[in-house]
Amino acid sequence: MFRSRITRQLATAPDPELTALYEDLLAPGPEDASGPSVDSDVVIPMIIRIGGRELRLFSTITTFGTPMDITLDEVAIESYYPADAESAAYFTEPG
């Protein structure tokens, strides 16, 4: 889950700006207790509501280097992909 990944990242490399962002936007609230939970470090499902539409996406994170490689230790690329045809259509619509 996205929240657990950010929590692990903050435990490993504390960052005041990321902590503040997490607390403002991602800290679990009472409504999150009943929602579905996905424990995956490979794929993170997401549902985003934009303009009355519900987009279903999934993200993956690619990291580089090893713990011994300081220059690549914190490099990560997060990629988002549509999880269904309706969400994919949203990104190909003009305007």
N, C-alpha and C. Protein backbone atom coordinates (compact mmCIF):
# COMPACT_ATOMS: atom_id res chain seq x y z
N MET A 1 0.84 -1.17 0.00
CA MET A 1 0.00 0.00 0.00
C MET A 1 0.89 1.24 0.00
N PHE A 2 0.42 2.28 -0.62
CA PHE A 2 1.17 3.52 -0.77
C PHE A 2 1.56 4.11 0.59
N ARG A 3 0.61 4.13 1.51
CA ARG A 3 0.90 4.70 2.84
C ARG A 3 2.00 3.92 3.55
N SER A 4 1.96 2.62 3.48
CA SER A 4 2.98 1.82 4.18
C SER A 4 4.35 2.02 3.54
N ARG A 5 4.39 2.22 2.22
CA ARG A 5 5.68 2.47 1.56
C ARG A 5 6.27 3.80 2.01
N ILE A 6 5.43 4.83 2.09
CA ILE A 6 5.91 6.14 2.54
C ILE A 6 6.35 6.05 4.01
N THR A 7 5.61 5.32 4.83
CA THR A 7 5.98 5.15 6.23
C THR A 7 7.35 4.48 6.34
N ARG A 8 7.59 3.44 5.52
CA ARG A 8 8.91 2.77 5.54
C ARG A 8 10.00 3.72 5.07
N GLN A 9 9.69 4.52 4.03
CA GLN A 9 10.68 5.47 3.51
C GLN A 9 11.04 6.50 4.58
N LEU A 10 10.04 6.98 5.31
CA LEU A 10 10.31 7.96 6.36
C LEU A 10 11.09 7.35 7.52
N ALA A 11 10.85 6.07 7.80
CA ALA A 11 11.61 5.41 8.87
C ALA A 11 13.07 5.24 8.48
N THR A 12 13.31 4.98 7.20
CA THR A 12 14.68 4.78 6.71
C THR A 12 15.41 6.09 6.53
N ALA A 13 14.74 7.08 5.94
CA ALA A 13 15.36 8.37 5.65
C ALA A 13 14.39 9.48 6.03
N PRO A 14 14.37 9.88 7.30
CA PRO A 14 13.44 10.92 7.74
C PRO A 14 13.61 12.22 6.94
N ASP A 15 12.48 12.81 6.59
CA ASP A 15 12.49 14.05 5.82
C ASP A 15 11.34 14.91 6.33
N PRO A 16 11.63 16.08 6.88
CA PRO A 16 10.56 16.91 7.46
C PRO A 16 9.49 17.33 6.45
N GLU A 17 9.87 17.62 5.21
CA GLU A 17 8.89 18.04 4.21
C GLU A 17 7.98 16.87 3.82
N LEU A 18 8.55 15.67 3.64
CA LEU A 18 7.74 14.50 3.30
C LEU A 18 6.84 14.12 4.47
N THR A 19 7.34 14.25 5.69
CA THR A 19 6.53 13.97 6.88
C THR A 19 5.33 14.90 6.94
N ALA A 20 5.55 16.20 6.70
CA ALA A 20 4.45 17.17 6.72
C ALA A 20 3.44 16.86 5.63
N LEU A 21 3.91 16.52 4.44
CA LEU A 21 3.02 16.16 3.34
C LEU A 21 2.21 14.91 3.67
N TYR A 22 2.87 13.92 4.24
CA TYR A 22 2.18 12.69 4.64
C TYR A 22 1.07 13.00 5.65
N GLU A 23 1.40 13.81 6.65
CA GLU A 23 0.41 14.12 7.68
C GLU A 23 -0.76 14.91 7.12
N ASP A 24 -0.50 15.80 6.15
CA ASP A 24 -1.58 16.59 5.55
C ASP A 24 -2.46 15.78 4.61
N LEU A 25 -1.85 14.91 3.81
CA LEU A 25 -2.60 14.25 2.74
C LEU A 25 -2.85 12.76 2.92
N LEU A 26 -1.97 12.07 3.60
CA LEU A 26 -2.04 10.61 3.57
C LEU A 26 -2.27 9.94 4.92
N ALA A 27 -2.20 10.68 6.00
CA ALA A 27 -2.40 10.04 7.30
C ALA A 27 -3.78 9.38 7.32
N PRO A 28 -3.84 8.11 7.74
CA PRO A 28 -5.13 7.41 7.74
C PRO A 28 -6.14 8.08 8.66
N GLY A 29 -7.35 8.16 8.19
CA GLY A 29 -8.45 8.71 8.98
C GLY A 29 -9.41 7.60 9.35
N PRO A 30 -10.46 7.89 10.11
CA PRO A 30 -11.41 6.86 10.53
C PRO A 30 -12.10 6.18 9.36
N GLU A 31 -12.31 6.91 8.26
CA GLU A 31 -12.99 6.31 7.11
C GLU A 31 -12.13 5.27 6.40
N ASP A 32 -10.80 5.28 6.64
CA ASP A 32 -9.90 4.34 5.98
C ASP A 32 -9.87 2.97 6.63
N ALA A 33 -10.36 2.86 7.85
CA ALA A 33 -10.29 1.59 8.57
C ALA A 33 -11.11 0.50 7.90
N SER A 34 -12.20 0.87 7.24
CA SER A 34 -13.08 -0.14 6.64
C SER A 34 -12.75 -0.41 5.18
N GLY A 35 -11.85 0.35 4.58
CA GLY A 35 -11.53 0.20 3.16
C GLY A 35 -10.68 -1.03 2.90
N PRO A 36 -10.60 -1.44 1.64
CA PRO A 36 -9.79 -2.60 1.29
C PRO A 36 -8.30 -2.31 1.50
N SER A 37 -7.56 -3.33 1.86
CA SER A 37 -6.13 -3.18 2.09
C SER A 37 -5.39 -4.11 1.14
N VAL A 38 -4.33 -3.60 0.53
CA VAL A 38 -3.52 -4.40 -0.37
C VAL A 38 -2.09 -4.32 0.13
N ASP A 39 -1.54 -5.46 0.51
CA ASP A 39 -0.16 -5.49 0.97
C ASP A 39 0.72 -5.95 -0.18
N SER A 40 1.30 -4.99 -0.87
CA SER A 40 2.15 -5.30 -2.01
C SER A 40 3.27 -4.28 -2.08
N ASP A 41 4.46 -4.76 -2.31
CA ASP A 41 5.58 -3.85 -2.53
C ASP A 41 5.89 -3.72 -4.01
N VAL A 42 5.13 -4.40 -4.85
CA VAL A 42 5.40 -4.40 -6.28
C VAL A 42 4.44 -3.49 -7.02
N VAL A 43 3.16 -3.63 -6.78
CA VAL A 43 2.13 -2.85 -7.47
C VAL A 43 1.23 -2.21 -6.42
N ILE A 44 0.93 -0.93 -6.60
CA ILE A 44 0.05 -0.21 -5.68
C ILE A 44 -1.18 0.26 -6.45
N PRO A 45 -2.37 -0.29 -6.13
CA PRO A 45 -3.58 0.15 -6.83
C PRO A 45 -4.02 1.52 -6.30
N MET A 46 -4.60 2.32 -7.18
CA MET A 46 -5.08 3.65 -6.79
C MET A 46 -6.39 3.94 -7.48
N ILE A 47 -7.27 4.65 -6.79
CA ILE A 47 -8.51 5.15 -7.39
C ILE A 47 -8.50 6.66 -7.17
N ILE A 48 -8.59 7.40 -8.27
CA ILE A 48 -8.57 8.86 -8.22
C ILE A 48 -9.85 9.37 -8.85
N ARG A 49 -10.51 10.28 -8.18
CA ARG A 49 -11.74 10.87 -8.72
C ARG A 49 -11.43 12.26 -9.27
N ILE A 50 -11.70 12.44 -10.57
CA ILE A 50 -11.44 13.71 -11.25
C ILE A 50 -12.67 14.08 -12.07
N GLY A 51 -13.22 15.24 -11.81
CA GLY A 51 -14.35 15.72 -12.60
C GLY A 51 -15.50 14.75 -12.71
N GLY A 52 -15.85 14.08 -11.63
CA GLY A 52 -16.96 13.14 -11.64
C GLY A 52 -16.63 11.77 -12.21
N ARG A 53 -15.38 11.58 -12.62
CA ARG A 53 -14.95 10.27 -13.14
C ARG A 53 -14.06 9.58 -12.14
N GLU A 54 -14.13 8.28 -12.12
CA GLU A 54 -13.28 7.48 -11.26
C GLU A 54 -12.23 6.79 -12.12
N LEU A 55 -10.97 7.12 -11.87
CA LEU A 55 -9.87 6.53 -12.63
C LEU A 55 -9.21 5.48 -11.77
N ARG A 56 -9.02 4.32 -12.36
CA ARG A 56 -8.34 3.23 -11.66
C ARG A 56 -6.95 3.07 -12.26
N LEU A 57 -5.96 3.23 -11.40
CA LEU A 57 -4.57 3.16 -11.83
C LEU A 57 -3.81 2.20 -10.94
N PHE A 58 -2.63 1.84 -11.38
CA PHE A 58 -1.70 1.15 -10.49
C PHE A 58 -0.33 1.76 -10.72
N SER A 59 0.47 1.75 -9.68
CA SER A 59 1.82 2.31 -9.80
C SER A 59 2.84 1.26 -9.43
N THR A 60 3.99 1.41 -10.03
CA THR A 60 5.14 0.58 -9.68
C THR A 60 6.31 1.50 -9.41
N ILE A 61 7.22 1.04 -8.58
CA ILE A 61 8.39 1.85 -8.23
C ILE A 61 9.63 1.05 -8.56
N THR A 62 10.51 1.68 -9.31
CA THR A 62 11.78 1.07 -9.66
C THR A 62 12.88 1.79 -8.89
N THR A 63 13.70 1.04 -8.17
CA THR A 63 14.81 1.63 -7.44
C THR A 63 16.12 1.11 -8.02
N PHE A 64 17.15 1.86 -7.84
CA PHE A 64 18.45 1.53 -8.40
C PHE A 64 19.49 1.44 -7.29
N GLY A 65 20.53 0.69 -7.55
CA GLY A 65 21.65 0.65 -6.63
C GLY A 65 21.48 -0.35 -5.51
N THR A 66 22.43 -0.33 -4.63
CA THR A 66 22.47 -1.21 -3.47
C THR A 66 22.73 -0.34 -2.25
N PRO A 67 22.54 -0.86 -1.05
CA PRO A 67 22.81 -0.04 0.13
C PRO A 67 24.24 0.51 0.19
N MET A 68 25.17 -0.13 -0.50
CA MET A 68 26.55 0.32 -0.49
C MET A 68 26.79 1.45 -1.50
N ASP A 69 25.87 1.62 -2.43
CA ASP A 69 26.03 2.59 -3.50
C ASP A 69 25.32 3.88 -3.12
N ILE A 70 26.03 4.81 -2.52
CA ILE A 70 25.43 6.03 -1.99
C ILE A 70 24.80 6.89 -3.09
N THR A 71 25.40 6.96 -4.25
CA THR A 71 24.87 7.83 -5.30
C THR A 71 23.53 7.36 -5.85
N LEU A 72 23.27 6.06 -5.81
CA LEU A 72 22.01 5.53 -6.35
C LEU A 72 21.04 5.09 -5.26
N ASP A 73 21.43 5.18 -4.02
CA ASP A 73 20.63 4.64 -2.92
C ASP A 73 19.23 5.23 -2.86
N GLU A 74 19.06 6.51 -3.15
CA GLU A 74 17.76 7.14 -3.00
C GLU A 74 17.05 7.41 -4.32
N VAL A 75 17.58 6.91 -5.43
CA VAL A 75 16.95 7.13 -6.73
C VAL A 75 15.82 6.13 -6.91
N ALA A 76 14.64 6.65 -7.21
CA ALA A 76 13.48 5.80 -7.47
C ALA A 76 12.63 6.46 -8.54
N ILE A 77 12.08 5.64 -9.42
CA ILE A 77 11.18 6.13 -10.47
C ILE A 77 9.83 5.48 -10.24
N GLU A 78 8.81 6.32 -10.08
CA GLU A 78 7.46 5.80 -9.90
C GLU A 78 6.69 6.00 -11.19
N SER A 79 6.08 4.93 -11.68
CA SER A 79 5.33 4.97 -12.93
C SER A 79 3.88 4.61 -12.65
N TYR A 80 2.97 5.30 -13.33
CA TYR A 80 1.53 5.06 -13.17
C TYR A 80 0.96 4.53 -14.49
N TYR A 81 0.07 3.54 -14.37
CA TYR A 81 -0.53 2.92 -15.54
C TYR A 81 -2.03 2.78 -15.31
N PRO A 82 -2.84 2.93 -16.36
CA PRO A 82 -4.28 2.70 -16.20
C PRO A 82 -4.54 1.21 -15.94
N ALA A 83 -5.48 0.95 -15.05
CA ALA A 83 -5.79 -0.43 -14.69
C ALA A 83 -6.96 -1.00 -15.48
N ASP A 84 -7.64 -0.15 -16.25
CA ASP A 84 -8.75 -0.65 -17.06
C ASP A 84 -8.90 0.23 -18.31
N ALA A 85 -9.72 -0.21 -19.23
CA ALA A 85 -9.89 0.49 -20.52
C ALA A 85 -10.49 1.88 -20.35
N GLU A 86 -11.43 2.03 -19.41
CA GLU A 86 -12.05 3.34 -19.19
C GLU A 86 -11.03 4.36 -18.69
N SER A 87 -10.16 3.94 -17.80
CA SER A 87 -9.12 4.84 -17.30
C SER A 87 -8.11 5.17 -18.39
N ALA A 88 -7.77 4.20 -19.21
CA ALA A 88 -6.83 4.44 -20.31
C ALA A 88 -7.43 5.44 -21.30
N ALA A 89 -8.73 5.34 -21.54
CA ALA A 89 -9.39 6.25 -22.47
C ALA A 89 -9.33 7.69 -21.98
N TYR A 90 -9.39 7.89 -20.67
CA TYR A 90 -9.32 9.23 -20.10
C TYR A 90 -8.03 9.94 -20.52
N PHE A 91 -6.93 9.20 -20.56
CA PHE A 91 -5.63 9.79 -20.85
C PHE A 91 -5.39 9.98 -22.36
N THR A 92 -6.24 9.40 -23.17
CA THR A 92 -6.08 9.57 -24.62
C THR A 92 -7.11 10.52 -25.22
N GLU A 93 -8.05 10.98 -24.40
CA GLU A 93 -9.07 11.92 -24.88
C GLU A 93 -8.44 13.28 -25.15
N PRO A 94 -8.86 13.94 -26.21
CA PRO A 94 -8.33 15.28 -26.47
C PRO A 94 -8.81 16.27 -25.42
N GLY A 95 -7.95 17.22 -25.07
CA GLY A 95 -8.30 18.30 -24.16
C GLY A 95 -8.41 17.86 -22.78
